Amino acid sequence: MLRATKGLMLVTDVGFVVYFAVTGLGLIPLEWAFADYANPLMVDWNWSFLWIDLLASFTGLTSLWLLRRGRASGPSLMLVSLVLTMASGLMAIAFWTLRGDFSLAWWIPNLYLMLFPVPGIICLTSQPVGSRT
């Protein structure tokens, strides 16, 4: 069950870093940007995700490294990463819902962030601590 989650985590965690690098360099075409992309308040909102996303990425990539080495702390750190990733997606979906903005271009990636961790979280929290890998 966790094999798919590990692969999705790797792609997602690298994706977080790439997204903020691309955003910081101003490489997102305006036609792909979210509503009010140039509004300073929306810019701040977007950058407010930097810390949770990078923390999710750091804990996720570290957990994958620890799991490959058979370290006991790997599954716990993986759980932290999955919860942070899910929270990030949920925060964005809640925001877009409150604004009444239902652009699939931004809903789909954030629904992915919110939903892909669920099976892994269930798996990690339903197994005895010693058998989580």
C-alpha atoms as a PDB file:
ATOM      1  CA  MET A   1       0.000   0.000   0.000  1.00  0.00           C
ATOM      2  CA  LEU A   2       2.773   2.452   0.861  1.00  0.00           C
ATOM      3  CA  ARG A   3       4.726   1.785  -2.350  1.00  0.00           C
ATOM      4  CA  ALA A   4       2.384   4.019  -4.395  1.00  0.00           C
ATOM      5  CA  THR A   5       2.341   6.632  -1.635  1.00  0.00           C
ATOM      6  CA  LYS A   6       6.143   6.734  -1.596  1.00  0.00           C
ATOM      7  CA  GLY A   7       6.265   7.343  -5.349  1.00  0.00           C
ATOM      8  CA  LEU A   8       3.622  10.060  -5.162  1.00  0.00           C
ATOM      9  CA  MET A   9       5.448  11.647  -2.231  1.00  0.00           C
ATOM     10  CA  LEU A  10       8.698  11.817  -4.166  1.00  0.00           C
ATOM     11  CA  VAL A  11       7.015  13.513  -7.135  1.00  0.00           C
ATOM     12  CA  THR A  12       5.023  15.859  -4.888  1.00  0.00           C
ATOM     13  CA  ASP A  13       7.935  16.840  -2.650  1.00  0.00           C
ATOM     14  CA  VAL A  14      10.183  17.620  -5.594  1.00  0.00           C
ATOM     15  CA  GLY A  15       7.199  19.395  -7.180  1.00  0.00           C
ATOM     16  CA  PHE A  16       6.832  21.712  -4.167  1.00  0.00           C
ATOM     17  CA  VAL A  17      10.438  22.854  -4.561  1.00  0.00           C
ATOM     18  CA  VAL A  18      10.083  23.259  -8.328  1.00  0.00           C
ATOM     19  CA  TYR A  19       6.792  25.186  -7.972  1.00  0.00           C
ATOM     20  CA  PHE A  20       8.297  27.781  -5.635  1.00  0.00           C
ATOM     21  CA  ALA A  21      11.458  28.065  -7.743  1.00  0.00           C
ATOM     22  CA  VAL A  22       9.369  28.644 -10.882  1.00  0.00           C
ATOM     23  CA  THR A  23       7.095  31.081  -9.041  1.00  0.00           C
ATOM     24  CA  GLY A  24      10.037  32.954  -7.541  1.00  0.00           C
ATOM     25  CA  LEU A  25      11.605  33.322 -10.964  1.00  0.00           C
ATOM     26  CA  GLY A  26       8.309  34.579 -12.409  1.00  0.00           C
ATOM     27  CA  LEU A  27       8.084  31.771 -14.957  1.00  0.00           C
ATOM     28  CA  ILE A  28       4.367  30.976 -14.616  1.00  0.00           C
ATOM     29  CA  PRO A  29       2.544  32.331 -17.682  1.00  0.00           C
ATOM     30  CA  LEU A  30      -0.276  34.691 -16.698  1.00  0.00           C
ATOM     31  CA  GLU A  31      -2.838  32.565 -18.546  1.00  0.00           C
ATOM     32  CA  TRP A  32      -1.968  29.653 -16.202  1.00  0.00           C
ATOM     33  CA  ALA A  33      -1.978  31.785 -13.060  1.00  0.00           C
ATOM     34  CA  PHE A  34      -4.745  31.805 -10.491  1.00  0.00           C
ATOM     35  CA  ALA A  35      -7.309  34.609 -10.298  1.00  0.00           C
ATOM     36  CA  ASP A  36      -5.878  37.975  -9.205  1.00  0.00           C
ATOM     37  CA  TYR A  37      -2.358  36.545  -9.505  1.00  0.00           C
ATOM     38  CA  ALA A  38      -0.743  40.006  -9.591  1.00  0.00           C
ATOM     39  CA  ASN A  39      -2.714  41.319  -6.606  1.00  0.00           C
ATOM     40  CA  PRO A  40      -0.171  41.848  -3.765  1.00  0.00           C
ATOM     41  CA  LEU A  41      -2.547  40.242  -1.260  1.00  0.00           C
ATOM     42  CA  MET A  42      -2.821  37.131  -3.452  1.00  0.00           C
ATOM     43  CA  VAL A  43       0.943  37.062  -3.932  1.00  0.00           C
ATOM     44  CA  ASP A  44       1.340  37.066  -0.144  1.00  0.00           C
ATOM     45  CA  TRP A  45      -1.311  34.352   0.185  1.00  0.00           C
ATOM     46  CA  ASN A  46       0.516  32.160  -2.323  1.00  0.00           C
ATOM     47  CA  TRP A  47       3.892  32.695  -0.641  1.00  0.00           C
ATOM     48  CA  SER A  48       2.349  31.930   2.756  1.00  0.00           C
ATOM     49  CA  PHE A  49       2.362  28.283   1.649  1.00  0.00           C
ATOM     50  CA  LEU A  50       6.142  28.281   1.191  1.00  0.00           C
ATOM     51  CA  TRP A  51       6.924  27.155   4.730  1.00  0.00           C
ATOM     52  CA  ILE A  52       4.341  24.377   5.041  1.00  0.00           C
ATOM     53  CA  ASP A  53       5.142  23.088   1.544  1.00  0.00           C
ATOM     54  CA  LEU A  54       8.908  23.135   2.062  1.00  0.00           C
ATOM     55  CA  LEU A  55       8.523  21.512   5.479  1.00  0.00           C
ATOM     56  CA  ALA A  56       6.337  18.817   3.900  1.00  0.00           C
ATOM     57  CA  SER A  57       8.954  18.385   1.180  1.00  0.00           C
ATOM     58  CA  PHE A  58      11.880  18.220   3.604  1.00  0.00           C
ATOM     59  CA  THR A  59      10.169  15.739   5.932  1.00  0.00           C
ATOM     60  CA  GLY A  60       8.925  13.688   2.995  1.00  0.00           C
ATOM     61  CA  LEU A  61      12.265  13.421   1.224  1.00  0.00           C
ATOM     62  CA  THR A  62      14.025  12.734   4.511  1.00  0.00           C
ATOM     63  CA  SER A  63      11.504  10.022   5.403  1.00  0.00           C
ATOM     64  CA  LEU A  64      12.019   8.333   2.031  1.00  0.00           C
ATOM     65  CA  TRP A  65      15.779   8.400   2.608  1.00  0.00           C
ATOM     66  CA  LEU A  66      15.335   6.950   6.121  1.00  0.00           C
ATOM     67  CA  LEU A  67      12.959   4.252   4.873  1.00  0.00           C
ATOM     68  CA  ARG A  68      15.460   3.152   2.202  1.00  0.00           C
ATOM     69  CA  ARG A  69      18.007   2.688   4.981  1.00  0.00           C
ATOM     70  CA  GLY A  70      15.565   0.790   7.191  1.00  0.00           C
ATOM     71  CA  ARG A  71      15.563   3.419   9.925  1.00  0.00           C
ATOM     72  CA  ALA A  72      12.760   3.191  12.479  1.00  0.00           C
ATOM     73  CA  SER A  73      12.071   6.935  12.315  1.00  0.00           C
ATOM     74  CA  GLY A  74      11.170   6.814   8.595  1.00  0.00           C
ATOM     75  CA  PRO A  75       7.469   5.931   8.940  1.00  0.00           C
ATOM     76  CA  SER A  76       6.825   8.562  11.618  1.00  0.00           C
ATOM     77  CA  LEU A  77       8.459  11.281   9.540  1.00  0.00           C
ATOM     78  CA  MET A  78       6.513  10.055   6.499  1.00  0.00           C
ATOM     79  CA  LEU A  79       3.287  10.506   8.476  1.00  0.00           C
ATOM     80  CA  VAL A  80       4.297  14.074   9.380  1.00  0.00           C
ATOM     81  CA  SER A  81       4.974  14.849   5.718  1.00  0.00           C
ATOM     82  CA  LEU A  82       1.681  13.364   4.544  1.00  0.00           C
ATOM     83  CA  VAL A  83      -0.299  15.340   7.125  1.00  0.00           C
ATOM     84  CA  LEU A  84       1.475  18.591   6.183  1.00  0.00           C
ATOM     85  CA  THR A  85       0.822  17.936   2.486  1.00  0.00           C
ATOM     86  CA  MET A  86      -2.839  17.187   3.142  1.00  0.00           C
ATOM     87  CA  ALA A  87      -3.161  20.350   5.244  1.00  0.00           C
ATOM     88  CA  SER A  88      -1.618  22.441   2.471  1.00  0.00           C
ATOM     89  CA  GLY A  89      -4.113  21.151  -0.087  1.00  0.00           C
ATOM     90  CA  LEU A  90      -7.009  21.563   2.323  1.00  0.00           C
ATOM     91  CA  MET A  91      -6.038  25.164   3.113  1.00  0.00           C
ATOM     92  CA  ALA A  92      -5.958  26.054  -0.584  1.00  0.00           C
ATOM     93  CA  ILE A  93      -9.280  24.319  -1.325  1.00  0.00           C
ATOM     94  CA  ALA A  94     -10.883  26.093   1.644  1.00  0.00           C
ATOM     95  CA  PHE A  95      -9.596  29.434   0.369  1.00  0.00           C
ATOM     96  CA  TRP A  96     -10.813  28.897  -3.197  1.00  0.00           C
ATOM     97  CA  THR A  97     -14.187  27.740  -1.830  1.00  0.00           C
ATOM     98  CA  LEU A  98     -14.564  30.861   0.313  1.00  0.00           C
ATOM     99  CA  ARG A  99     -13.730  33.017  -2.725  1.00  0.00           C
ATOM    100  CA  GLY A 100     -16.168  31.100  -4.913  1.00  0.00           C
ATOM    101  CA  ASP A 101     -13.370  30.455  -7.423  1.00  0.00           C
ATOM    102  CA  PHE A 102     -13.741  27.028  -9.004  1.00  0.00           C
ATOM    103  CA  SER A 103     -10.948  26.952 -11.582  1.00  0.00           C
ATOM    104  CA  LEU A 104     -10.058  23.324 -12.295  1.00  0.00           C
ATOM    105  CA  ALA A 105      -6.501  24.395 -13.074  1.00  0.00           C
ATOM    106  CA  TRP A 106      -5.999  25.141  -9.364  1.00  0.00           C
ATOM    107  CA  TRP A 107      -8.568  22.792  -7.826  1.00  0.00           C
ATOM    108  CA  ILE A 108      -7.168  19.613  -9.352  1.00  0.00           C
ATOM    109  CA  PRO A 109      -3.618  19.999  -7.995  1.00  0.00           C
ATOM    110  CA  ASN A 110      -4.889  21.037  -4.575  1.00  0.00           C
ATOM    111  CA  LEU A 111      -7.425  18.199  -4.406  1.00  0.00           C
ATOM    112  CA  TYR A 112      -4.523  15.903  -5.276  1.00  0.00           C
ATOM    113  CA  LEU A 113      -2.470  17.370  -2.392  1.00  0.00           C
ATOM    114  CA  MET A 114      -5.425  16.928  -0.077  1.00  0.00           C
ATOM    115  CA  LEU A 115      -6.398  13.392  -1.128  1.00  0.00           C
ATOM    116  CA  PHE A 116      -3.300  11.410  -2.147  1.00  0.00           C
ATOM    117  CA  PRO A 117      -1.972  11.288   1.454  1.00  0.00           C
ATOM    118  CA  VAL A 118      -5.171   9.721   2.858  1.00  0.00           C
ATOM    119  CA  PRO A 119      -4.397   6.036   2.100  1.00  0.00           C
ATOM    120  CA  GLY A 120      -0.859   6.428   3.439  1.00  0.00           C
ATOM    121  CA  ILE A 121      -2.077   8.156   6.599  1.00  0.00           C
ATOM    122  CA  ILE A 122      -4.616   5.390   7.167  1.00  0.00           C
ATOM    123  CA  CYS A 123      -1.988   2.721   6.557  1.00  0.00           C
ATOM    124  CA  LEU A 124       0.585   4.336   8.839  1.00  0.00           C
ATOM    125  CA  THR A 125      -1.866   4.933  11.672  1.00  0.00           C
ATOM    126  CA  SER A 126      -3.521   1.520  11.543  1.00  0.00           C
ATOM    127  CA  GLN A 127      -0.342  -0.582  11.746  1.00  0.00           C
ATOM    128  CA  PRO A 128       1.655  -1.360  14.868  1.00  0.00           C
ATOM    129  CA  VAL A 129       4.664   0.955  15.087  1.00  0.00           C
ATOM    130  CA  GLY A 130       7.228  -1.789  14.417  1.00  0.00           C
ATOM    131  CA  SER A 131       5.640  -2.932  11.140  1.00  0.00           C
ATOM    132  CA  ARG A 132       5.388   0.434   9.311  1.00  0.00           C
ATOM    133  CA  THR A 133       7.464   0.430   6.119  1.00  0.00           C
END
